[in-house]
Structure formats: structure tokens, C-alpha cells
């Protein structure tokens, strides 16, 4: 419906000054793709263009929320670029506009923006791709938990039909990362802690700087389980066999096929044993 289109356009205009300029300088071209009535177009263009930028801190309040979810990767990016504008460009990006227009997740769109910046050379730290993926997984787990609610572990039946399906429980996730990813997170968190002792020292030439990031070890992997905890999503290192089986359960999968595929690998542990372990743990849930 056109009034929903108008609402989304208003949000985009409140965040993107470039979009505002395009609307007023080229109204016909800018609005051509949108399903608006003549009255709605007139209503939009009747707004004083200065009104869209009245709240100068709107972008930064929203950016603060996004940065809190991607704290480690954005700290590295800001340390490298020395430019807040490097992150504020998100609000002028196609990813931001698409998220608003399609009612998608701004957090997930921001993750895509950060990864795109790495691919395009806007920031180059080799640790970033895995860090962004890790923080995006945490953000996704939070959203799944909020949307579906926490899974209540129930007593498992004595026998489980191998035609039943299983998937990761709400708030759980798995990922494979280069070996020093966790060490990099700890290194950045230590820097942020030091800065939090006296934030104003960031203005000083002799303030602590983020340096000495652990080197990337792409040949070695760390396998992590993401799970809901009392203070948010927690990370636990798991073995490769568990990772491979749990990875298959990001979407509902029939137990019979899951065990057959897992058995084809060279794992010391039996797939049925791994499946039973994570069902009892609550990381997996039976669907039928």
C-alpha cells in the first residue's frame, strides 16, 4: 500500500542527506520507482528540506546501537581509518536503503556493509572478515531468540525415530573461524577497557592505540558454539566433528540423512553419539 511506501521513504530521508538532496533536485526521477499517489508526492515535497536534518544526532544514536553489536570489528575499522564518516556512510548505502524498504534487519545490513568495505579495500585488517562473521552470528542468535523464544529442554524419548527432523534450537549457532579470532577479541576488549578508564584521553597524542593484533592463522581453525546465556550469547569451543554435524542443522534436517552424511567423514566419534550429546545439551531440538 502506498502509505507504507511513504513511511519507509520518510525513514530513509531522515537518515540520508544525499537522498534528500536527490529528492529535491530531481523529484521526478527519484520518485519514479515508488508507488505513491499524487497527493502523497505533493505532501512529501512540501516538507522544508531542512527539516530532514533537524536532529543532527539521529544517525549517531543509531550508529551507536549498531556499533555495540559489532564492537570488535568497528573498533579495528575506526583505528585503521581514523574516520567516523567511514561508518556513517552506511546510511547512504544501498544496503541501508534496502533494509528499510524491505523491513529487513539493520544489524544484518550493517554486517554486509562492513564485509563489503573489506572486499572493496575501505579497510584492510586481515582479522576483520572472521570477526565480522562472528559478531554477525551473535547478532543473528539474539534475533532468533527474541523472535522464537528460548527453547525449553524436555526429556528425550528412549528411542528417536530416525525420520524425525532436528535443527538448532533458538539462540544457538555454530561457526568456523581462524585460530586467533578469540585472541583478537580479547586483545581489542583489553584496549577498550583501558580507554573506558578515562575516555577523554582519546584526545591526547600519547593515548593508547590499538596495535599488535594477533596474526591471522588461516590454516588453523577454531570451531565455536554460540548459545544463550545469562549475560547474552556465550561462545564455547567445540570439536570439528560436533561442528560439522551442528552446521547441518542450521535448517531442519531429517535425522536419518544427517547421520548418514556425518558418518561419511573421518570422525573418531560416532555421529549418533554426537547427536545425542547435543540433544541432551539443548543445542538441538526435535521437530517431529
Protein backbone atom coordinates (compact mmCIF):
# COMPACT_ATOMS: atom_id res chain seq x y z
CA UNK A 1 0.00 0.00 0.00
CA UNK A 2 1.26 3.45 -0.86
CA UNK A 3 1.12 4.84 2.70
CA UNK A 4 3.57 2.12 3.80
CA UNK A 5 5.86 3.14 0.95
CA UNK A 6 5.63 6.74 2.12
CA UNK A 7 6.51 5.76 5.71
CA UNK A 8 9.62 3.92 4.55
CA UNK A 9 10.66 6.84 2.36
CA UNK A 10 10.36 9.18 5.34
CA UNK A 11 12.72 6.95 7.36
CA UNK A 12 15.26 6.92 4.54
CA UNK A 13 15.10 10.69 4.18
CA UNK A 14 15.62 11.19 7.92
CA UNK A 15 18.91 9.30 7.73
CA UNK A 16 20.43 10.11 4.34
CA UNK A 17 21.17 13.73 3.41
CA UNK A 18 22.29 12.65 -0.09
CA UNK A 19 18.90 11.06 -0.67
CA UNK A 20 17.22 14.29 0.49
CA UNK A 21 19.26 16.32 -2.00
CA UNK A 22 18.39 13.93 -4.81
CA UNK A 23 14.69 14.09 -3.95
CA UNK A 24 14.51 17.88 -4.13
CA UNK A 25 16.90 18.32 -7.06
CA UNK A 26 15.41 15.51 -9.18
CA UNK A 27 11.96 14.74 -7.73
CA UNK A 28 10.50 13.01 -10.78
CA UNK A 29 13.46 10.69 -11.28
CA UNK A 30 13.83 9.94 -7.58
CA UNK A 31 10.16 9.08 -7.01
CA UNK A 32 9.59 7.27 -10.29
CA UNK A 33 10.19 3.82 -8.78
CA UNK A 34 7.83 4.34 -5.83
CA UNK A 35 4.12 3.60 -5.74
CA UNK A 36 2.84 6.92 -4.37
CA UNK A 37 -0.32 8.84 -5.08
CA UNK A 38 -0.16 12.37 -6.48
CA UNK A 39 -1.24 13.72 -3.10
CA UNK A 40 1.48 11.76 -1.29
CA UNK A 41 4.16 13.04 -3.67
CA UNK A 42 2.98 16.61 -3.12
CA UNK A 43 2.89 16.07 0.65
CA UNK A 44 6.46 14.76 0.65
CA UNK A 45 7.85 17.59 -1.47
CA UNK A 46 6.01 20.22 0.55
CA UNK A 47 8.25 19.47 3.55
CA UNK A 48 11.02 22.06 4.00
CA UNK A 49 14.18 20.15 3.03
CA UNK A 50 15.97 21.50 6.11
CA UNK A 51 13.51 19.63 8.36
CA UNK A 52 15.01 16.25 7.44
CA UNK A 53 18.31 17.22 9.08
CA UNK A 54 16.83 18.92 12.15
CA UNK A 55 18.01 16.15 14.51
CA UNK A 56 21.75 16.16 13.86
CA UNK A 57 22.43 13.24 16.20
CA UNK A 58 19.87 10.80 14.76
CA UNK A 59 22.47 8.96 12.69
CA UNK A 60 24.92 8.68 15.55
CA UNK A 61 22.37 7.36 18.03
CA UNK A 62 21.50 4.60 15.58
CA UNK A 63 25.16 4.02 14.73
CA UNK A 64 25.94 3.63 18.43
CA UNK A 65 23.42 0.77 18.64
CA UNK A 66 24.93 -0.92 15.59
CA UNK A 67 28.49 -0.45 16.84
CA UNK A 68 27.58 -2.04 20.16
CA UNK A 69 26.68 -5.23 18.27
CA UNK A 70 29.84 -5.08 16.15
CA UNK A 71 32.11 -3.65 18.82
CA UNK A 72 35.32 -5.50 17.96
CA UNK A 73 35.27 -5.14 14.18
CA UNK A 74 34.23 -1.46 14.24
CA UNK A 75 36.96 -0.66 16.77
CA UNK A 76 39.54 -2.09 14.39
CA UNK A 77 37.99 -0.22 11.45
CA UNK A 78 37.95 3.12 13.27
CA UNK A 79 41.50 2.56 14.46
CA UNK A 80 42.56 1.95 10.86
CA UNK A 81 40.57 4.67 9.10
CA UNK A 82 40.62 7.34 11.86
CA UNK A 83 37.30 8.40 10.36
CA UNK A 84 33.81 8.21 11.84
CA UNK A 85 32.49 9.02 8.36
CA UNK A 86 33.78 5.63 7.21
CA UNK A 87 30.97 4.02 9.24
CA UNK A 88 28.40 6.79 8.78
CA UNK A 89 28.46 6.04 5.05
CA UNK A 90 26.28 3.06 5.91
CA UNK A 91 23.23 5.34 5.97
CA UNK A 92 23.81 6.39 2.36
CA UNK A 93 24.42 2.83 1.19
CA UNK A 94 22.09 0.68 -0.87
CA UNK A 95 22.22 -1.88 1.96
CA UNK A 96 20.68 0.56 4.44
CA UNK A 97 18.01 1.70 1.98
CA UNK A 98 17.10 -1.87 1.05
CA UNK A 99 16.83 -2.89 4.72
CA UNK A 100 14.41 -0.03 5.39
CA UNK A 101 12.43 -0.56 2.19
CA UNK A 102 12.10 -4.32 2.76
CA UNK A 103 11.77 -4.08 6.54
CA UNK A 104 14.93 -6.11 6.98
CA UNK A 105 17.35 -6.15 9.90
CA UNK A 106 19.58 -3.08 10.13
CA UNK A 107 22.11 -5.15 12.08
CA UNK A 108 22.43 -7.74 9.33
CA UNK A 109 22.61 -4.98 6.71
CA UNK A 110 25.39 -3.32 8.72
CA UNK A 111 27.31 -6.61 8.78
CA UNK A 112 27.03 -6.78 4.97
CA UNK A 113 28.24 -3.17 4.78
CA UNK A 114 31.31 -3.99 6.89
CA UNK A 115 32.14 -7.05 4.79
CA UNK A 116 31.65 -5.06 1.57
CA UNK A 117 34.06 -2.42 2.89
CA UNK A 118 36.69 -5.13 3.42
CA UNK A 119 36.20 -6.52 -0.10
CA UNK A 120 36.43 -3.04 -1.62
CA UNK A 121 39.55 -2.10 0.34
CA UNK A 122 37.98 0.60 2.53
CA UNK A 123 39.55 -1.24 5.49
CA UNK A 124 42.13 -3.95 5.17
CA UNK A 125 42.92 -5.61 8.52
CA UNK A 126 43.06 -9.35 7.71
CA UNK A 127 41.37 -10.22 11.01
CA UNK A 128 38.14 -8.43 10.02
CA UNK A 129 36.26 -10.96 7.84
CA UNK A 130 36.11 -13.62 10.56
CA UNK A 131 35.43 -11.05 13.29
CA UNK A 132 32.51 -9.58 11.34
CA UNK A 133 31.10 -13.05 10.67
CA UNK A 134 31.43 -13.93 14.36
CA UNK A 135 29.70 -10.76 15.54
CA UNK A 136 27.01 -11.20 12.89
CA UNK A 137 26.37 -14.73 14.17
CA UNK A 138 25.95 -13.40 17.71
CA UNK A 139 23.55 -10.74 16.42
CA UNK A 140 21.59 -13.37 14.47
CA UNK A 141 21.35 -15.64 17.54
CA UNK A 142 19.98 -12.75 19.59
CA UNK A 143 17.33 -12.01 16.99
CA UNK A 144 16.32 -15.66 16.65
CA UNK A 145 15.99 -15.95 20.42
CA UNK A 146 13.89 -12.79 20.61
CA UNK A 147 11.68 -13.93 17.72
CA UNK A 148 11.17 -17.58 18.65
CA UNK A 149 11.71 -17.56 22.41
CA UNK A 150 14.04 -19.74 24.44
CA UNK A 151 13.74 -23.46 23.79
CA UNK A 152 12.73 -25.45 26.86
CA UNK A 153 14.73 -28.68 27.03
CA UNK A 154 12.43 -31.65 27.57
CA UNK A 155 13.22 -35.22 28.49
CA UNK A 156 14.19 -37.11 25.38
CA UNK A 157 12.29 -40.25 24.39
CA UNK A 158 14.06 -43.59 24.87
CA UNK A 159 14.09 -44.16 21.13
CA UNK A 160 14.09 -41.49 18.45
CA UNK A 161 12.53 -42.07 15.06
CA UNK A 162 15.31 -41.57 12.51
CA UNK A 163 12.76 -40.00 10.19
CA UNK A 164 12.19 -37.21 12.69
CA UNK A 165 13.74 -33.84 11.95
CA UNK A 166 16.11 -31.82 14.08
CA UNK A 167 17.51 -28.29 13.99
CA UNK A 168 19.48 -25.85 16.12
CA UNK A 169 17.40 -24.51 19.00
CA UNK A 170 16.55 -20.75 19.09
CA UNK A 171 19.55 -18.66 20.08
CA UNK A 172 22.11 -21.30 19.12
CA UNK A 173 24.59 -21.14 16.26
CA UNK A 174 27.92 -22.56 15.09
CA UNK A 175 30.86 -21.16 13.19
CA UNK A 176 34.35 -21.95 11.96
CA UNK A 177 36.97 -19.20 12.38
CA UNK A 178 40.70 -18.70 12.03
CA UNK A 179 42.53 -19.83 15.15
CA UNK A 180 43.36 -16.40 16.60
CA UNK A 181 39.90 -14.86 16.31
CA UNK A 182 39.11 -15.26 20.02
CA UNK A 183 42.56 -13.94 20.96
CA UNK A 184 41.92 -10.89 18.75
CA UNK A 185 38.60 -10.26 20.53
CA UNK A 186 40.34 -10.39 23.91
CA UNK A 187 43.07 -8.04 22.67
CA UNK A 188 40.55 -5.43 21.46
CA UNK A 189 38.44 -5.76 24.61
CA UNK A 190 41.52 -5.03 26.72
CA UNK A 191 42.16 -1.87 24.68
CA UNK A 192 38.54 -0.75 25.06
CA UNK A 193 38.72 -1.35 28.80
CA UNK A 194 41.80 0.85 29.07
CA UNK A 195 40.06 3.60 27.09
CA UNK A 196 36.95 3.36 29.28
CA UNK A 197 39.02 4.30 32.35
CA UNK A 198 39.30 7.85 31.00
CA UNK A 199 37.50 8.34 27.63
CA UNK A 200 38.81 11.91 27.25
CA UNK A 201 42.35 10.60 26.85
CA UNK A 202 41.37 9.66 23.28
CA UNK A 203 42.03 13.37 22.58
CA UNK A 204 45.67 13.05 23.63
CA UNK A 205 48.53 12.39 21.26
CA UNK A 206 50.01 9.90 23.72
CA UNK A 207 46.75 7.99 24.28
CA UNK A 208 46.83 4.19 23.95
CA UNK A 209 46.46 3.00 20.37
CA UNK A 210 45.13 -0.29 19.11
CA UNK A 211 48.14 -2.20 17.86
CA UNK A 212 49.70 -5.65 17.94
CA UNK A 213 46.65 -7.60 16.80
CA UNK A 214 47.27 -11.37 16.85
CA UNK A 215 48.31 -12.61 13.43
CA UNK A 216 45.80 -14.44 11.25
CA UNK A 217 46.26 -18.21 11.29
CA UNK A 218 44.09 -19.22 8.35
CA UNK A 219 45.41 -22.78 8.27
CA UNK A 220 44.24 -23.46 11.82
CA UNK A 221 40.57 -23.34 12.72
CA UNK A 222 38.58 -22.74 15.88
CA UNK A 223 35.07 -24.19 15.99
CA UNK A 224 32.61 -22.30 18.17
CA UNK A 225 29.14 -22.96 19.54
CA UNK A 226 27.01 -19.87 20.18
CA UNK A 227 24.43 -20.37 22.93
CA UNK A 228 22.11 -18.24 25.08
CA UNK A 229 23.49 -17.35 28.49
CA UNK A 230 22.57 -15.21 31.47
CA UNK A 231 24.51 -12.26 30.02
CA UNK A 232 23.76 -12.73 26.35
CA UNK A 233 25.19 -15.12 23.76
CA UNK A 234 28.16 -17.14 25.02
CA UNK A 235 30.91 -18.79 22.98
CA UNK A 236 32.18 -22.31 23.59
CA UNK A 237 34.91 -24.09 21.65
CA UNK A 238 33.77 -27.44 20.24
CA UNK A 239 35.46 -30.21 18.27
CA UNK A 240 35.32 -30.39 14.49
CA UNK A 241 33.01 -33.43 14.44
CA UNK A 242 30.41 -31.59 16.53
CA UNK A 243 30.76 -28.51 14.34
CA UNK A 244 30.20 -30.45 11.12
CA UNK A 245 27.08 -32.15 12.48
CA UNK A 246 25.64 -28.99 14.04
CA UNK A 247 26.35 -26.99 10.88
CA UNK A 248 23.98 -29.31 9.01
CA UNK A 249 21.20 -28.44 11.46
CA UNK A 250 21.04 -24.70 10.78
CA UNK A 251 17.91 -25.69 8.89
CA UNK A 252 15.58 -28.59 9.72
CA UNK A 253 17.10 -31.87 8.62
CA UNK A 254 15.94 -35.48 8.85
CA UNK A 255 17.97 -37.42 11.42
CA UNK A 256 18.48 -40.37 9.08
CA UNK A 257 20.10 -38.21 6.40
CA UNK A 258 22.08 -36.23 8.97
CA UNK A 259 23.64 -39.36 10.47
CA UNK A 260 24.41 -40.79 7.02
CA UNK A 261 26.23 -37.65 5.90
CA UNK A 262 28.12 -37.30 9.18
CA UNK A 263 29.20 -40.95 9.07
CA UNK A 264 30.90 -40.35 5.72
CA UNK A 265 33.54 -38.19 7.41
CA UNK A 266 36.64 -39.44 9.22
CA UNK A 267 35.48 -38.74 12.75
CA UNK A 268 36.68 -40.60 15.82
CA UNK A 269 33.25 -40.16 17.43
CA UNK A 270 30.08 -41.78 16.18
CA UNK A 271 27.52 -39.35 14.69
CA UNK A 272 24.72 -40.85 16.83
CA UNK A 273 26.77 -40.15 19.95
CA UNK A 274 27.35 -36.53 18.91
CA UNK A 275 23.67 -36.07 18.06
CA UNK A 276 22.58 -37.47 21.41
CA UNK A 277 25.04 -35.21 23.26
CA UNK A 278 23.74 -32.00 21.69
CA UNK A 279 20.10 -33.03 22.03
CA UNK A 280 20.66 -33.54 25.77
CA UNK A 281 22.60 -30.26 25.94
CA UNK A 282 19.63 -28.41 24.41
CA UNK A 283 21.54 -27.06 21.42
CA UNK A 284 19.35 -29.20 19.17
CA UNK A 285 15.59 -29.61 19.19
CA UNK A 286 13.38 -32.35 17.78
CA UNK A 287 10.71 -31.08 15.42
CA UNK A 288 8.58 -34.21 15.00
